[in-house]
Amino acid sequence: MSDPIPSDPLTIRQAQDTVDQWIQTIGVRYFGELTNLAQLVEEVGEVARILSRTCGEQSCKDGESPGDLADELADVMFVTICLANQSGIDLTDALRRNLDKKTKRDGDRHRNNPKLL
């Protein structure tokens, strides 16, 4: 089997297609949406654990490393892409619409927030 993971930078569309190909060839099938939701929550929890130990007040136990933030963020992206694929969502379009919404809603909000100055 050829390597389904491109080494060049991925667009969001390419990432969605690559994850779908991986699921179809290696993962057998998508987990159900509720299982993927549970997986997403678990992965976000692992991100939180790492950040609480590297940026927050928590410390690692003796002999414990905080973990690999990049890998855990990639896990979050993978499961998010799975949920988008199985829900028929084009994440490129969704992200564009979301950024447009935030720009219209928050165009001056953060600039005028004294807590951020």
PDB file of N, CA and C in Angstrom:
ATOM      1  N   MET A   1       0.843  -1.172   0.000  1.00  0.00           N
ATOM      2  CA  MET A   1       0.000   0.000   0.000  1.00  0.00           C
ATOM      3  C   MET A   1       0.889   1.236   0.000  1.00  0.00           C
ATOM      4  N   SER A   2       0.543   2.236  -0.815  1.00  0.00           N
ATOM      5  CA  SER A   2       1.319   3.474  -0.853  1.00  0.00           C
ATOM      6  C   SER A   2       1.028   4.293   0.401  1.00  0.00           C
ATOM      7  N   ASP A   3       1.968   5.157   0.717  1.00  0.00           N
ATOM      8  CA  ASP A   3       1.826   6.003   1.900  1.00  0.00           C
ATOM      9  C   ASP A   3       0.711   7.021   1.666  1.00  0.00           C
ATOM     10  N   PRO A   4      -0.399   6.966   2.442  1.00  0.00           N
ATOM     11  CA  PRO A   4      -1.514   7.885   2.220  1.00  0.00           C
ATOM     12  C   PRO A   4      -1.294   9.269   2.819  1.00  0.00           C
ATOM     13  N   ILE A   5      -0.151   9.476   3.459  1.00  0.00           N
ATOM     14  CA  ILE A   5       0.074  10.727   4.173  1.00  0.00           C
ATOM     15  C   ILE A   5       1.042  11.592   3.376  1.00  0.00           C
ATOM     16  N   PRO A   6       0.530  12.662   2.748  1.00  0.00           N
ATOM     17  CA  PRO A   6       1.416  13.537   1.972  1.00  0.00           C
ATOM     18  C   PRO A   6       2.426  14.237   2.868  1.00  0.00           C
ATOM     19  N   SER A   7       3.628  14.479   2.327  1.00  0.00           N
ATOM     20  CA  SER A   7       4.658  15.165   3.114  1.00  0.00           C
ATOM     21  C   SER A   7       4.619  16.673   2.891  1.00  0.00           C
ATOM     22  N   ASP A   8       3.968  17.128   1.829  1.00  0.00           N
ATOM     23  CA  ASP A   8       3.831  18.557   1.569  1.00  0.00           C
ATOM     24  C   ASP A   8       2.788  19.148   2.510  1.00  0.00           C
ATOM     25  N   PRO A   9       2.780  20.494   2.640  1.00  0.00           N
ATOM     26  CA  PRO A   9       1.739  21.124   3.461  1.00  0.00           C
ATOM     27  C   PRO A   9       0.342  20.725   2.970  1.00  0.00           C
ATOM     28  N   LEU A  10      -0.563  20.558   3.920  1.00  0.00           N
ATOM     29  CA  LEU A  10      -1.925  20.138   3.607  1.00  0.00           C
ATOM     30  C   LEU A  10      -2.887  21.313   3.679  1.00  0.00           C
ATOM     31  N   THR A  11      -3.765  21.397   2.712  1.00  0.00           N
ATOM     32  CA  THR A  11      -4.904  22.293   2.870  1.00  0.00           C
ATOM     33  C   THR A  11      -5.888  21.574   3.792  1.00  0.00           C
ATOM     34  N   ILE A  12      -6.869  22.293   4.263  1.00  0.00           N
ATOM     35  CA  ILE A  12      -7.885  21.642   5.102  1.00  0.00           C
ATOM     36  C   ILE A  12      -8.603  20.573   4.288  1.00  0.00           C
ATOM     37  N   ARG A  13      -8.916  20.861   3.020  1.00  0.00           N
ATOM     38  CA  ARG A  13      -9.593  19.884   2.150  1.00  0.00           C
ATOM     39  C   ARG A  13      -8.741  18.639   1.994  1.00  0.00           C
ATOM     40  N   GLN A  14      -7.438  18.824   1.768  1.00  0.00           N
ATOM     41  CA  GLN A  14      -6.544  17.672   1.635  1.00  0.00           C
ATOM     42  C   GLN A  14      -6.484  16.877   2.933  1.00  0.00           C
ATOM     43  N   ALA A  15      -6.495  17.572   4.067  1.00  0.00           N
ATOM     44  CA  ALA A  15      -6.488  16.876   5.359  1.00  0.00           C
ATOM     45  C   ALA A  15      -7.759  16.043   5.503  1.00  0.00           C
ATOM     46  N   GLN A  16      -8.898  16.612   5.128  1.00  0.00           N
ATOM     47  CA  GLN A  16     -10.149  15.858   5.212  1.00  0.00           C
ATOM     48  C   GLN A  16     -10.096  14.626   4.303  1.00  0.00           C
ATOM     49  N   ASP A  17      -9.576  14.788   3.089  1.00  0.00           N
ATOM     50  CA  ASP A  17      -9.482  13.657   2.161  1.00  0.00           C
ATOM     51  C   ASP A  17      -8.494  12.610   2.663  1.00  0.00           C
ATOM     52  N   THR A  18      -7.364  13.067   3.225  1.00  0.00           N
ATOM     53  CA  THR A  18      -6.350  12.144   3.732  1.00  0.00           C
ATOM     54  C   THR A  18      -6.875  11.342   4.923  1.00  0.00           C
ATOM     55  N   VAL A  19      -7.574  12.013   5.834  1.00  0.00           N
ATOM     56  CA  VAL A  19      -8.162  11.299   6.981  1.00  0.00           C
ATOM     57  C   VAL A  19      -9.200  10.298   6.479  1.00  0.00           C
ATOM     58  N   ASP A  20     -10.017  10.694   5.519  1.00  0.00           N
ATOM     59  CA  ASP A  20     -11.022   9.764   4.982  1.00  0.00           C
ATOM     60  C   ASP A  20     -10.351   8.550   4.349  1.00  0.00           C
ATOM     61  N   GLN A  21      -9.292   8.776   3.583  1.00  0.00           N
ATOM     62  CA  GLN A  21      -8.563   7.657   2.975  1.00  0.00           C
ATOM     63  C   GLN A  21      -7.970   6.758   4.053  1.00  0.00           C
ATOM     64  N   TRP A  22      -7.417   7.354   5.102  1.00  0.00           N
ATOM     65  CA  TRP A  22      -6.842   6.575   6.198  1.00  0.00           C
ATOM     66  C   TRP A  22      -7.923   5.727   6.871  1.00  0.00           C
ATOM     67  N   ILE A  23      -9.071   6.339   7.130  1.00  0.00           N
ATOM     68  CA  ILE A  23     -10.174   5.608   7.766  1.00  0.00           C
ATOM     69  C   ILE A  23     -10.596   4.433   6.893  1.00  0.00           C
ATOM     70  N   GLN A  24     -10.738   4.668   5.588  1.00  0.00           N
ATOM     71  CA  GLN A  24     -11.219   3.634   4.678  1.00  0.00           C
ATOM     72  C   GLN A  24     -10.212   2.498   4.485  1.00  0.00           C
ATOM     73  N   THR A  25      -8.907   2.790   4.592  1.00  0.00           N
ATOM     74  CA  THR A  25      -7.895   1.765   4.311  1.00  0.00           C
ATOM     75  C   THR A  25      -7.272   1.152   5.559  1.00  0.00           C
ATOM     76  N   ILE A  26      -7.151   1.924   6.613  1.00  0.00           N
ATOM     77  CA  ILE A  26      -6.478   1.439   7.824  1.00  0.00           C
ATOM     78  C   ILE A  26      -7.446   1.361   8.998  1.00  0.00           C
ATOM     79  N   GLY A  27      -8.299   2.338   9.135  1.00  0.00           N
ATOM     80  CA  GLY A  27      -9.205   2.404  10.272  1.00  0.00           C
ATOM     81  C   GLY A  27     -10.467   1.566  10.120  1.00  0.00           C
ATOM     82  N   VAL A  28     -10.676   0.960   8.981  1.00  0.00           N
ATOM     83  CA  VAL A  28     -11.819   0.100   8.644  1.00  0.00           C
ATOM     84  C   VAL A  28     -13.094   0.911   8.400  1.00  0.00           C
ATOM     85  N   ARG A  29     -13.511   1.718   9.399  1.00  0.00           N
ATOM     86  CA  ARG A  29     -14.706   2.545   9.253  1.00  0.00           C
ATOM     87  C   ARG A  29     -14.648   3.639  10.300  1.00  0.00           C
ATOM     88  N   TYR A  30     -15.497   4.653  10.119  1.00  0.00           N
ATOM     89  CA  TYR A  30     -15.598   5.711  11.130  1.00  0.00           C
ATOM     90  C   TYR A  30     -16.279   5.158  12.368  1.00  0.00           C
ATOM     91  N   PHE A  31     -15.807   5.561  13.529  1.00  0.00           N
ATOM     92  CA  PHE A  31     -16.558   5.317  14.754  1.00  0.00           C
ATOM     93  C   PHE A  31     -17.850   6.122  14.658  1.00  0.00           C
ATOM     94  N   GLY A  32     -18.848   5.739  15.415  1.00  0.00           N
ATOM     95  CA  GLY A  32     -20.076   6.513  15.463  1.00  0.00           C
ATOM     96  C   GLY A  32     -19.798   7.910  16.021  1.00  0.00           C
ATOM     97  N   GLU A  33     -20.709   8.837  15.722  1.00  0.00           N
ATOM     98  CA  GLU A  33     -20.509  10.225  16.122  1.00  0.00           C
ATOM     99  C   GLU A  33     -20.361  10.384  17.628  1.00  0.00           C
ATOM    100  N   LEU A  34     -21.136   9.652  18.406  1.00  0.00           N
ATOM    101  CA  LEU A  34     -21.021   9.784  19.870  1.00  0.00           C
ATOM    102  C   LEU A  34     -19.701   9.227  20.373  1.00  0.00           C
ATOM    103  N   THR A  35     -19.211   8.153  19.753  1.00  0.00           N
ATOM    104  CA  THR A  35     -17.894   7.633  20.124  1.00  0.00           C
ATOM    105  C   THR A  35     -16.817   8.651  19.763  1.00  0.00           C
ATOM    106  N   ASN A  36     -16.938   9.249  18.575  1.00  0.00           N
ATOM    107  CA  ASN A  36     -15.960  10.273  18.196  1.00  0.00           C
ATOM    108  C   ASN A  36     -16.043  11.490  19.098  1.00  0.00           C
ATOM    109  N   LEU A  37     -17.235  11.855  19.539  1.00  0.00           N
ATOM    110  CA  LEU A  37     -17.356  12.954  20.496  1.00  0.00           C
ATOM    111  C   LEU A  37     -16.608  12.613  21.789  1.00  0.00           C
ATOM    112  N   ALA A  38     -16.783  11.389  22.278  1.00  0.00           N
ATOM    113  CA  ALA A  38     -16.070  10.965  23.488  1.00  0.00           C
ATOM    114  C   ALA A  38     -14.561  11.003  23.251  1.00  0.00           C
ATOM    115  N   GLN A  39     -14.119  10.574  22.068  1.00  0.00           N
ATOM    116  CA  GLN A  39     -12.693  10.618  21.733  1.00  0.00           C
ATOM    117  C   GLN A  39     -12.188  12.059  21.712  1.00  0.00           C
ATOM    118  N   LEU A  40     -12.994  12.962  21.147  1.00  0.00           N
ATOM    119  CA  LEU A  40     -12.610  14.370  21.081  1.00  0.00           C
ATOM    120  C   LEU A  40     -12.450  14.951  22.482  1.00  0.00           C
ATOM    121  N   VAL A  41     -13.402  14.666  23.351  1.00  0.00           N
ATOM    122  CA  VAL A  41     -13.330  15.162  24.728  1.00  0.00           C
ATOM    123  C   VAL A  41     -12.087  14.601  25.419  1.00  0.00           C
ATOM    124  N   GLU A  42     -11.797  13.330  25.190  1.00  0.00           N
ATOM    125  CA  GLU A  42     -10.605  12.710  25.783  1.00  0.00           C
ATOM    126  C   GLU A  42      -9.331  13.403  25.294  1.00  0.00           C
ATOM    127  N   GLU A  43      -9.255  13.657  24.002  1.00  0.00           N
ATOM    128  CA  GLU A  43      -8.057  14.303  23.449  1.00  0.00           C
ATOM    129  C   GLU A  43      -7.916  15.733  23.947  1.00  0.00           C
ATOM    130  N   VAL A  44      -9.011  16.477  24.025  1.00  0.00           N
ATOM    131  CA  VAL A  44      -8.960  17.839  24.564  1.00  0.00           C
ATOM    132  C   VAL A  44      -8.506  17.797  26.021  1.00  0.00           C
ATOM    133  N   GLY A  45      -8.944  16.787  26.755  1.00  0.00           N
ATOM    134  CA  GLY A  45      -8.491  16.619  28.131  1.00  0.00           C
ATOM    135  C   GLY A  45      -6.994  16.401  28.214  1.00  0.00           C
ATOM    136  N   GLU A  46      -6.436  15.665  27.260  1.00  0.00           N
ATOM    137  CA  GLU A  46      -4.988  15.446  27.245  1.00  0.00           C
ATOM    138  C   GLU A  46      -4.245  16.753  26.935  1.00  0.00           C
ATOM    139  N   VAL A  47      -4.804  17.580  26.061  1.00  0.00           N
ATOM    140  CA  VAL A  47      -4.226  18.899  25.797  1.00  0.00           C
ATOM    141  C   VAL A  47      -4.257  19.726  27.085  1.00  0.00           C
ATOM    142  N   ALA A  48      -5.387  19.707  27.778  1.00  0.00           N
ATOM    143  CA  ALA A  48      -5.528  20.465  29.027  1.00  0.00           C
ATOM    144  C   ALA A  48      -4.519  19.981  30.072  1.00  0.00           C
ATOM    145  N   ARG A  49      -4.319  18.687  30.142  1.00  0.00           N
ATOM    146  CA  ARG A  49      -3.381  18.112  31.112  1.00  0.00           C
ATOM    147  C   ARG A  49      -1.967  18.629  30.853  1.00  0.00           C
ATOM    148  N   ILE A  50      -1.560  18.602  29.594  1.00  0.00           N
ATOM    149  CA  ILE A  50      -0.218  19.078  29.250  1.00  0.00           C
ATOM    150  C   ILE A  50      -0.071  20.560  29.582  1.00  0.00           C
ATOM    151  N   LEU A  51      -1.055  21.372  29.178  1.00  0.00           N
ATOM    152  CA  LEU A  51      -0.960  22.811  29.423  1.00  0.00           C
ATOM    153  C   LEU A  51      -1.016  23.144  30.906  1.00  0.00           C
ATOM    154  N   SER A  52      -1.769  22.372  31.684  1.00  0.00           N
ATOM    155  CA  SER A  52      -1.826  22.654  33.120  1.00  0.00           C
ATOM    156  C   SER A  52      -0.487  22.364  33.790  1.00  0.00           C
ATOM    157  N   ARG A  53       0.308  21.475  33.184  1.00  0.00           N
ATOM    158  CA  ARG A  53       1.612  21.146  33.751  1.00  0.00           C
ATOM    159  C   ARG A  53       2.738  22.006  33.191  1.00  0.00           C
ATOM    160  N   THR A  54       2.554  22.537  31.973  1.00  0.00           N
ATOM    161  CA  THR A  54       3.619  23.341  31.366  1.00  0.00           C
ATOM    162  C   THR A  54       3.377  24.846  31.495  1.00  0.00           C
ATOM    163  N   CYS A  55       2.123  25.270  31.560  1.00  0.00           N
ATOM    164  CA  CYS A  55       1.795  26.697  31.645  1.00  0.00           C
ATOM    165  C   CYS A  55       1.051  27.050  32.929  1.00  0.00           C
ATOM    166  N   GLY A  56       0.475  26.063  33.555  1.00  0.00           N
ATOM    167  CA  GLY A  56      -0.320  26.292  34.756  1.00  0.00           C
ATOM    168  C   GLY A  56       0.447  25.945  36.011  1.00  0.00           C
ATOM    169  N   GLU A  57      -0.288  25.815  37.095  1.00  0.00           N
ATOM    170  CA  GLU A  57       0.335  25.590  38.401  1.00  0.00           C
ATOM    171  C   GLU A  57       0.590  24.119  38.712  1.00  0.00           C
ATOM    172  N   GLN A  58       0.035  23.218  37.927  1.00  0.00           N
ATOM    173  CA  GLN A  58       0.259  21.794  38.215  1.00  0.00           C
ATOM    174  C   GLN A  58       1.679  21.394  37.869  1.00  0.00           C
ATOM    175  N   SER A  59       2.169  20.369  38.536  1.00  0.00           N
ATOM    176  CA  SER A  59       3.484  19.826  38.219  1.00  0.00           C
ATOM    177  C   SER A  59       3.329  18.361  37.846  1.00  0.00           C
ATOM    178  N   CYS A  60       4.342  17.858  37.166  1.00  0.00           N
ATOM    179  CA  CYS A  60       4.345  16.441  36.807  1.00  0.00           C
ATOM    180  C   CYS A  60       4.730  15.620  38.029  1.00  0.00           C
ATOM    181  N   LYS A  61       4.232  14.403  38.064  1.00  0.00           N
ATOM    182  CA  LYS A  61       4.676  13.473  39.105  1.00  0.00           C
ATOM    183  C   LYS A  61       6.120  13.097  38.825  1.00  0.00           C
ATOM    184  N   ASP A  62       6.825  12.591  39.839  1.00  0.00           N
ATOM    185  CA  ASP A  62       8.209  12.168  39.654  1.00  0.00           C
ATOM    186  C   ASP A  62       8.299  11.174  38.500  1.00  0.00           C
ATOM    187  N   GLY A  63       9.230  11.426  37.586  1.00  0.00           N
ATOM    188  CA  GLY A  63       9.454  10.535  36.460  1.00  0.00           C
ATOM    189  C   GLY A  63       8.453  10.671  35.322  1.00  0.00           C
ATOM    190  N   GLU A  64       7.497  11.586  35.457  1.00  0.00           N
ATOM    191  CA  GLU A  64       6.461  11.765  34.442  1.00  0.00           C
ATOM    192  C   GLU A  64       6.832  12.940  33.543  1.00  0.00           C
ATOM    193  N   SER A  65       6.609  12.774  32.250  1.00  0.00           N
ATOM    194  CA  SER A  65       6.778  13.921  31.352  1.00  0.00           C
ATOM    195  C   SER A  65       5.397  14.508  31.098  1.00  0.00           C
ATOM    196  N   PRO A  66       5.344  15.797  30.765  1.00  0.00           N
ATOM    197  CA  PRO A  66       4.021  16.398  30.567  1.00  0.00           C
ATOM    198  C   PRO A  66       3.300  15.850  29.341  1.00  0.00           C
ATOM    199  N   GLY A  67       4.037  15.357  28.365  1.00  0.00           N
ATOM    200  CA  GLY A  67       3.432  14.849  27.147  1.00  0.00           C
ATOM    201  C   GLY A  67       3.789  15.721  25.960  1.00  0.00           C
ATOM    202  N   ASP A  68       3.309  15.328  24.794  1.00  0.00           N
ATOM    203  CA  ASP A  68       3.641  15.990  23.539  1.00  0.00           C
ATOM    204  C   ASP A  68       2.439  16.801  23.074  1.00  0.00           C
ATOM    205  N   LEU A  69       2.481  18.115  23.299  1.00  0.00           N
ATOM    206  CA  LEU A  69       1.361  18.985  22.962  1.00  0.00           C
ATOM    207  C   LEU A  69       1.031  18.919  21.476  1.00  0.00           C
ATOM    208  N   ALA A  70       2.047  18.933  20.623  1.00  0.00           N
ATOM    209  CA  ALA A  70       1.800  18.895  19.173  1.00  0.00           C
ATOM    210  C   ALA A  70       1.033  17.630  18.788  1.00  0.00           C
ATOM    211  N   ASP A  71       1.426  16.502  19.345  1.00  0.00           N
ATOM    212  CA  ASP A  71       0.749  15.238  19.035  1.00  0.00           C
ATOM    213  C   ASP A  71      -0.693  15.249  19.516  1.00  0.00           C
ATOM    214  N   GLU A  72      -0.917  15.786  20.705  1.00  0.00           N
ATOM    215  CA  GLU A  72      -2.283  15.818  21.236  1.00  0.00           C
ATOM    216  C   GLU A  72      -3.165  16.788  20.447  1.00  0.00           C
ATOM    217  N   LEU A  73      -2.609  17.929  20.028  1.00  0.00           N
ATOM    218  CA  LEU A  73      -3.379  18.851  19.187  1.00  0.00           C
ATOM    219  C   LEU A  73      -3.702  18.194  17.840  1.00  0.00           C
ATOM    220  N   ALA A  74      -2.767  17.420  17.309  1.00  0.00           N
ATOM    221  CA  ALA A  74      -3.028  16.687  16.062  1.00  0.00           C
ATOM    222  C   ALA A  74      -4.135  15.649  16.273  1.00  0.00           C
ATOM    223  N   ASP A  75      -4.168  15.008  17.443  1.00  0.00           N
ATOM    224  CA  ASP A  75      -5.258  14.071  17.751  1.00  0.00           C
ATOM    225  C   ASP A  75      -6.603  14.789  17.759  1.00  0.00           C
ATOM    226  N   VAL A  76      -6.629  15.999  18.341  1.00  0.00           N
ATOM    227  CA  VAL A  76      -7.864  16.797  18.356  1.00  0.00           C
ATOM    228  C   VAL A  76      -8.291  17.105  16.919  1.00  0.00           C
ATOM    229  N   MET A  77      -7.325  17.501  16.087  1.00  0.00           N
ATOM    230  CA  MET A  77      -7.642  17.797  14.686  1.00  0.00           C
ATOM    231  C   MET A  77      -8.162  16.559  13.962  1.00  0.00           C
ATOM    232  N   PHE A  78      -7.531  15.414  14.188  1.00  0.00           N
ATOM    233  CA  PHE A  78      -7.936  14.176  13.521  1.00  0.00           C
ATOM    234  C   PHE A  78      -9.389  13.833  13.837  1.00  0.00           C
ATOM    235  N   VAL A  79      -9.736  13.859  15.117  1.00  0.00           N
ATOM    236  CA  VAL A  79     -11.107  13.505  15.497  1.00  0.00           C
ATOM    237  C   VAL A  79     -12.089  14.563  15.010  1.00  0.00           C
ATOM    238  N   THR A  80     -11.702  15.835  15.054  1.00  0.00           N
ATOM    239  CA  THR A  80     -12.557  16.898  14.524  1.00  0.00           C
ATOM    240  C   THR A  80     -12.813  16.671  13.039  1.00  0.00           C
ATOM    241  N   ILE A  81     -11.777  16.308  12.301  1.00  0.00           N
ATOM    242  CA  ILE A  81     -11.929  16.028  10.869  1.00  0.00           C
ATOM    243  C   ILE A  81     -12.828  14.826  10.656  1.00  0.00           C
ATOM    244  N   CYS A  82     -12.675  13.797  11.481  1.00  0.00           N
ATOM    245  CA  CYS A  82     -13.567  12.631  11.372  1.00  0.00           C
ATOM    246  C   CYS A  82     -15.021  13.050  11.542  1.00  0.00           C
ATOM    247  N   LEU A  83     -15.300  13.840  12.556  1.00  0.00           N
ATOM    248  CA  LEU A  83     -16.679  14.295  12.791  1.00  0.00           C
ATOM    249  C   LEU A  83     -17.187  15.128  11.619  1.00  0.00           C
ATOM    250  N   ALA A  84     -16.337  15.987  11.070  1.00  0.00           N
ATOM    251  CA  ALA A  84     -16.743  16.796   9.914  1.00  0.00           C
ATOM    252  C   ALA A  84     -17.020  15.901   8.705  1.00  0.00           C
ATOM    253  N   ASN A  85     -16.132  14.960   8.438  1.00  0.00           N
ATOM    254  CA  ASN A  85     -16.312  14.073   7.292  1.00  0.00           C
ATOM    255  C   ASN A  85     -17.613  13.284   7.400  1.00  0.00           C
ATOM    256  N   GLN A  86     -17.869  12.713   8.550  1.00  0.00           N
ATOM    257  CA  GLN A  86     -19.053  11.873   8.659  1.00  0.00           C
ATOM    258  C   GLN A  86     -20.336  12.689   8.763  1.00  0.00           C
ATOM    259  N   SER A  87     -20.191  13.995   8.966  1.00  0.00           N
ATOM    260  CA  SER A  87     -21.355  14.885   9.007  1.00  0.00           C
ATOM    261  C   SER A  87     -21.516  15.664   7.705  1.00  0.00           C
ATOM    262  N   GLY A  88     -20.638  15.414   6.733  1.00  0.00           N
ATOM    263  CA  GLY A  88     -20.729  16.090   5.446  1.00  0.00           C
ATOM    264  C   GLY A  88     -20.368  17.559   5.497  1.00  0.00           C
ATOM    265  N   ILE A  89     -19.473  17.927   6.400  1.00  0.00           N
ATOM    266  CA  ILE A  89     -19.079  19.327   6.572  1.00  0.00           C
ATOM    267  C   ILE A  89     -17.752  19.585   5.875  1.00  0.00           C
ATOM    268  N   ASP A  90     -17.710  20.607   5.032  1.00  0.00           N
ATOM    269  CA  ASP A  90     -16.479  21.081   4.420  1.00  0.00           C
ATOM    270  C   ASP A  90     -15.861  22.069   5.410  1.00  0.00           C
ATOM    271  N   LEU A  91     -14.791  21.659   6.060  1.00  0.00           N
ATOM    272  CA  LEU A  91     -14.194  22.500   7.102  1.00  0.00           C
ATOM    273  C   LEU A  91     -13.590  23.788   6.552  1.00  0.00           C
ATOM    274  N   THR A  92     -13.147  23.789   5.308  1.00  0.00           N
ATOM    275  CA  THR A  92     -12.632  25.027   4.721  1.00  0.00           C
ATOM    276  C   THR A  92     -13.740  26.066   4.677  1.00  0.00           C
ATOM    277  N   ASP A  93     -14.877  25.674   4.156  1.00  0.00           N
ATOM    278  CA  ASP A  93     -16.027  26.581   4.075  1.00  0.00           C
ATOM    279  C   ASP A  93     -16.503  26.968   5.473  1.00  0.00           C
ATOM    280  N   ALA A  94     -16.567  25.998   6.368  1.00  0.00           N
ATOM    281  CA  ALA A  94     -17.033  26.273   7.730  1.00  0.00           C
ATOM    282  C   ALA A  94     -16.106  27.267   8.435  1.00  0.00           C
ATOM    283  N   LEU A  95     -14.797  27.100   8.269  1.00  0.00           N
ATOM    284  CA  LEU A  95     -13.850  28.007   8.911  1.00  0.00           C
ATOM    285  C   LEU A  95     -13.943  29.409   8.309  1.00  0.00           C
ATOM    286  N   ARG A  96     -14.086  29.486   6.989  1.00  0.00           N
ATOM    287  CA  ARG A  96     -14.245  30.810   6.358  1.00  0.00           C
ATOM    288  C   ARG A  96     -15.479  31.521   6.904  1.00  0.00           C
ATOM    289  N   ARG A  97     -16.602  30.803   6.975  1.00  0.00           N
ATOM    290  CA  ARG A  97     -17.833  31.412   7.482  1.00  0.00           C
ATOM    291  C   ARG A  97     -17.679  31.807   8.941  1.00  0.00           C
ATOM    292  N   ASN A  98     -16.992  30.984   9.723  1.00  0.00           N
ATOM    293  CA  ASN A  98     -16.794  31.267  11.133  1.00  0.00           C
ATOM    294  C   ASN A  98     -15.923  32.506  11.337  1.00  0.00           C
ATOM    295  N   LEU A  99     -14.855  32.619  10.554  1.00  0.00           N
ATOM    296  CA  LEU A  99     -13.993  33.798  10.650  1.00  0.00           C
ATOM    297  C   LEU A  99     -14.739  35.052  10.222  1.00  0.00           C
ATOM    298  N   ASP A 100     -15.572  34.942   9.192  1.00  0.00           N
ATOM    299  CA  ASP A 100     -16.383  36.084   8.758  1.00  0.00           C
ATOM    300  C   ASP A 100     -17.336  36.510   9.874  1.00  0.00           C
ATOM    301  N   LYS A 101     -17.979  35.539  10.500  1.00  0.00           N
ATOM    302  CA  LYS A 101     -18.897  35.829  11.613  1.00  0.00           C
ATOM    303  C   LYS A 101     -18.160  36.532  12.750  1.00  0.00           C
ATOM    304  N   LYS A 102     -17.000  36.005  13.126  1.00  0.00           N
ATOM    305  CA  LYS A 102     -16.227  36.600  14.219  1.00  0.00           C
ATOM    306  C   LYS A 102     -15.755  38.009  13.865  1.00  0.00           C
ATOM    307  N   THR A 103     -15.362  38.211  12.612  1.00  0.00           N
ATOM    308  CA  THR A 103     -14.890  39.526  12.182  1.00  0.00           C
ATOM    309  C   THR A 103     -16.009  40.551  12.269  1.00  0.00           C
ATOM    310  N   LYS A 104     -17.182  40.180  11.796  1.00  0.00           N
ATOM    311  CA  LYS A 104     -18.326  41.096  11.856  1.00  0.00           C
ATOM    312  C   LYS A 104     -18.749  41.361  13.298  1.00  0.00           C
ATOM    313  N   ARG A 105     -18.782  40.336  14.107  1.00  0.00           N
ATOM    314  CA  ARG A 105     -19.251  40.464  15.482  1.00  0.00           C
ATOM    315  C   ARG A 105     -18.226  41.140  16.384  1.00  0.00           C
ATOM    316  N   ASP A 106     -16.957  40.828  16.176  1.00  0.00           N
ATOM    317  CA  ASP A 106     -15.922  41.256  17.116  1.00  0.00           C
ATOM    318  C   ASP A 106     -14.941  42.261  16.522  1.00  0.00           C
ATOM    319  N   GLY A 107     -15.316  42.909  15.417  1.00  0.00           N
ATOM    320  CA  GLY A 107     -14.413  43.834  14.739  1.00  0.00           C
ATOM    321  C   GLY A 107     -13.766  44.853  15.652  1.00  0.00           C
ATOM    322  N   ASP A 108     -14.519  45.409  16.584  1.00  0.00           N
ATOM    323  CA  ASP A 108     -13.973  46.407  17.520  1.00  0.00           C
ATOM    324  C   ASP A 108     -13.996  45.925  18.967  1.00  0.00           C
ATOM    325  N   ARG A 109     -14.676  44.856  19.204  1.00  0.00           N
ATOM    326  CA  ARG A 109     -14.891  44.385  20.583  1.00  0.00           C
ATOM    327  C   ARG A 109     -13.577  44.195  21.343  1.00  0.00           C
ATOM    328  N   HIS A 110     -12.620  43.508  20.769  1.00  0.00           N
ATOM    329  CA  HIS A 110     -11.371  43.195  21.493  1.00  0.00           C
ATOM    330  C   HIS A 110     -10.464  44.424  21.577  1.00  0.00           C
ATOM    331  N   ARG A 111     -10.472  45.253  20.519  1.00  0.00           N
ATOM    332  CA  ARG A 111      -9.690  46.491  20.555  1.00  0.00           C
ATOM    333  C   ARG A 111     -10.163  47.432  21.640  1.00  0.00           C
ATOM    334  N   ASN A 112     -11.462  47.397  21.943  1.00  0.00           N
ATOM    335  CA  ASN A 112     -12.036  48.294  22.944  1.00  0.00           C
ATOM    336  C   ASN A 112     -12.183  47.646  24.320  1.00  0.00           C
ATOM    337  N   ASN A 113     -11.587  46.487  24.504  1.00  0.00           N
ATOM    338  CA  ASN A 113     -11.663  45.788  25.785  1.00  0.00           C
ATOM    339  C   ASN A 113     -10.492  46.225  26.668  1.00  0.00           C
ATOM    340  N   PRO A 114     -10.771  46.972  27.731  1.00  0.00           N
ATOM    341  CA  PRO A 114      -9.662  47.449  28.590  1.00  0.00           C
ATOM    342  C   PRO A 114      -8.901  46.313  29.253  1.00  0.00           C
ATOM    343  N   LYS A 115      -9.504  45.144  29.359  1.00  0.00           N
ATOM    344  CA  LYS A 115      -8.810  44.004  29.959  1.00  0.00           C
ATOM    345  C   LYS A 115      -7.675  43.492  29.063  1.00  0.00           C
ATOM    346  N   LEU A 116      -7.744  43.837  27.770  1.00  0.00           N
ATOM    347  CA  LEU A 116      -6.719  43.342  26.837  1.00  0.00           C
ATOM    348  C   LEU A 116      -5.642  44.387  26.552  1.00  0.00           C
ATOM    349  N   LEU A 117      -5.804  45.567  27.094  1.00  0.00           N
ATOM    350  CA  LEU A 117      -4.819  46.635  26.822  1.00  0.00           C
ATOM    351  C   LEU A 117      -3.667  46.603  27.787  1.00  0.00           C
TER     352      LEU A 117
END
